[in-house]
Amino acid sequence: MTTRRGGVSAEVYSSLNLADHVGDDLQSVKKNRALLQVALALPAEPLWLRQV
């Protein structure tokens, strides 16, 4: 489980938005995902799912 703290997204997506389908800047989402990968010491990029 994650929280929204510690990311780079701005305004309504502030700050650790990991979703690439909600209108956030895609570069911010990529940076946020990279931050999470480093913070959790994941050996590879995880699969990102979309909740429906």
N, C-alpha and C. Protein backbone atom coordinates (compact mmCIF):
# COMPACT_ATOMS: atom_id res chain seq x y z
N MET A 1 0.84 -1.16 0.00
CA MET A 1 0.00 0.00 0.00
C MET A 1 0.89 1.23 0.00
N THR A 2 0.49 2.24 -0.74
CA THR A 2 1.24 3.49 -0.79
C THR A 2 0.35 4.65 -0.33
N THR A 3 0.99 5.78 -0.09
CA THR A 3 0.25 7.01 0.18
C THR A 3 0.58 7.99 -0.93
N ARG A 4 0.04 9.19 -0.85
CA ARG A 4 0.30 10.19 -1.89
C ARG A 4 1.52 11.04 -1.55
N ARG A 5 2.17 10.81 -0.46
CA ARG A 5 3.29 11.64 -0.03
C ARG A 5 4.59 11.25 -0.73
N GLY A 6 5.40 12.26 -1.04
CA GLY A 6 6.74 12.01 -1.52
C GLY A 6 6.94 11.96 -3.02
N GLY A 7 5.93 12.30 -3.79
CA GLY A 7 6.06 12.25 -5.23
C GLY A 7 6.27 13.62 -5.86
N VAL A 8 6.19 13.65 -7.18
CA VAL A 8 6.48 14.88 -7.92
C VAL A 8 5.28 15.46 -8.65
N SER A 9 4.15 14.78 -8.65
CA SER A 9 2.97 15.29 -9.35
C SER A 9 2.47 16.57 -8.70
N ALA A 10 1.83 17.41 -9.50
CA ALA A 10 1.37 18.72 -9.02
C ALA A 10 -0.15 18.78 -8.96
N GLU A 11 -0.61 19.80 -8.27
CA GLU A 11 -2.02 20.19 -8.17
C GLU A 11 -2.90 19.03 -7.74
N VAL A 12 -3.95 18.73 -8.48
CA VAL A 12 -4.93 17.74 -8.02
C VAL A 12 -4.35 16.33 -7.94
N TYR A 13 -3.23 16.08 -8.58
CA TYR A 13 -2.61 14.76 -8.57
C TYR A 13 -1.51 14.66 -7.51
N SER A 14 -1.34 15.69 -6.76
CA SER A 14 -0.27 15.81 -5.78
C SER A 14 -0.32 14.63 -4.81
N SER A 15 0.75 13.98 -4.55
CA SER A 15 2.05 14.14 -5.13
C SER A 15 2.57 12.82 -5.69
N LEU A 16 2.28 11.68 -5.04
CA LEU A 16 2.80 10.39 -5.54
C LEU A 16 1.71 9.67 -6.34
N ASN A 17 1.22 10.31 -7.39
CA ASN A 17 0.24 9.67 -8.25
C ASN A 17 0.96 8.62 -9.10
N LEU A 18 0.42 7.40 -9.12
CA LEU A 18 1.02 6.31 -9.88
C LEU A 18 0.19 5.92 -11.10
N ALA A 19 -0.96 6.57 -11.28
CA ALA A 19 -1.87 6.22 -12.37
C ALA A 19 -1.57 7.04 -13.63
N ASP A 20 -1.42 6.33 -14.74
CA ASP A 20 -1.11 7.02 -16.00
C ASP A 20 -2.35 7.31 -16.84
N HIS A 21 -3.53 7.03 -16.30
CA HIS A 21 -4.76 7.17 -17.09
C HIS A 21 -5.74 8.20 -16.52
N VAL A 22 -5.26 9.09 -15.66
CA VAL A 22 -6.17 10.04 -15.01
C VAL A 22 -5.93 11.49 -15.41
N GLY A 23 -5.01 11.74 -16.33
CA GLY A 23 -4.77 13.10 -16.79
C GLY A 23 -3.54 13.76 -16.22
N ASP A 24 -2.81 13.08 -15.36
CA ASP A 24 -1.57 13.62 -14.81
C ASP A 24 -0.50 13.64 -15.90
N ASP A 25 0.49 14.49 -15.73
CA ASP A 25 1.63 14.55 -16.64
C ASP A 25 2.35 13.20 -16.63
N LEU A 26 2.51 12.59 -17.80
CA LEU A 26 3.09 11.24 -17.87
C LEU A 26 4.52 11.19 -17.35
N GLN A 27 5.29 12.26 -17.54
CA GLN A 27 6.66 12.27 -17.01
C GLN A 27 6.64 12.25 -15.48
N SER A 28 5.68 12.93 -14.88
CA SER A 28 5.56 12.91 -13.42
C SER A 28 5.20 11.51 -12.93
N VAL A 29 4.29 10.86 -13.64
CA VAL A 29 3.90 9.49 -13.27
C VAL A 29 5.11 8.56 -13.36
N LYS A 30 5.89 8.69 -14.43
CA LYS A 30 7.08 7.85 -14.59
C LYS A 30 8.08 8.09 -13.46
N LYS A 31 8.27 9.35 -13.08
CA LYS A 31 9.18 9.68 -11.97
C LYS A 31 8.65 9.11 -10.67
N ASN A 32 7.34 9.23 -10.44
CA ASN A 32 6.75 8.69 -9.22
C ASN A 32 6.93 7.18 -9.14
N ARG A 33 6.71 6.51 -10.25
CA ARG A 33 6.87 5.05 -10.27
C ARG A 33 8.32 4.66 -10.02
N ALA A 34 9.25 5.42 -10.58
CA ALA A 34 10.67 5.15 -10.34
C ALA A 34 11.03 5.37 -8.87
N LEU A 35 10.48 6.41 -8.27
CA LEU A 35 10.72 6.67 -6.84
C LEU A 35 10.23 5.50 -5.99
N LEU A 36 9.06 4.98 -6.32
CA LEU A 36 8.51 3.85 -5.57
C LEU A 36 9.38 2.61 -5.75
N GLN A 37 9.82 2.37 -6.97
CA GLN A 37 10.66 1.20 -7.24
C GLN A 37 11.95 1.26 -6.42
N VAL A 38 12.56 2.43 -6.35
CA VAL A 38 13.79 2.60 -5.56
C VAL A 38 13.49 2.45 -4.07
N ALA A 39 12.42 3.09 -3.60
CA ALA A 39 12.09 3.05 -2.18
C ALA A 39 11.82 1.64 -1.68
N LEU A 40 11.24 0.80 -2.54
CA LEU A 40 10.94 -0.58 -2.15
C LEU A 40 12.04 -1.56 -2.55
N ALA A 41 13.09 -1.03 -3.18
CA ALA A 41 14.22 -1.86 -3.64
C ALA A 41 13.73 -3.01 -4.52
N LEU A 42 12.84 -2.69 -5.45
CA LEU A 42 12.32 -3.71 -6.36
C LEU A 42 13.36 -4.03 -7.42
N PRO A 43 13.55 -5.29 -7.76
CA PRO A 43 14.57 -5.67 -8.74
C PRO A 43 14.20 -5.30 -10.17
N ALA A 44 12.91 -5.08 -10.42
CA ALA A 44 12.45 -4.73 -11.76
C ALA A 44 11.19 -3.88 -11.63
N GLU A 45 10.83 -3.23 -12.73
CA GLU A 45 9.61 -2.42 -12.71
C GLU A 45 8.40 -3.34 -12.53
N PRO A 46 7.50 -3.00 -11.61
CA PRO A 46 6.32 -3.84 -11.42
C PRO A 46 5.32 -3.69 -12.57
N LEU A 47 4.38 -4.59 -12.64
CA LEU A 47 3.29 -4.46 -13.59
C LEU A 47 2.29 -3.49 -12.99
N TRP A 48 1.88 -2.51 -13.77
CA TRP A 48 0.95 -1.49 -13.29
C TRP A 48 -0.45 -1.82 -13.78
N LEU A 49 -1.38 -1.95 -12.86
CA LEU A 49 -2.75 -2.35 -13.18
C LEU A 49 -3.68 -1.15 -13.14
N ARG A 50 -4.83 -1.28 -13.77
CA ARG A 50 -5.87 -0.25 -13.74
C ARG A 50 -7.09 -0.83 -13.04
N GLN A 51 -7.50 -0.17 -11.98
CA GLN A 51 -8.68 -0.61 -11.25
C GLN A 51 -9.92 -0.21 -12.02
N VAL A 52 -10.87 -1.12 -12.14
CA VAL A 52 -12.13 -0.81 -12.84
C VAL A 52 -13.30 -0.97 -11.91
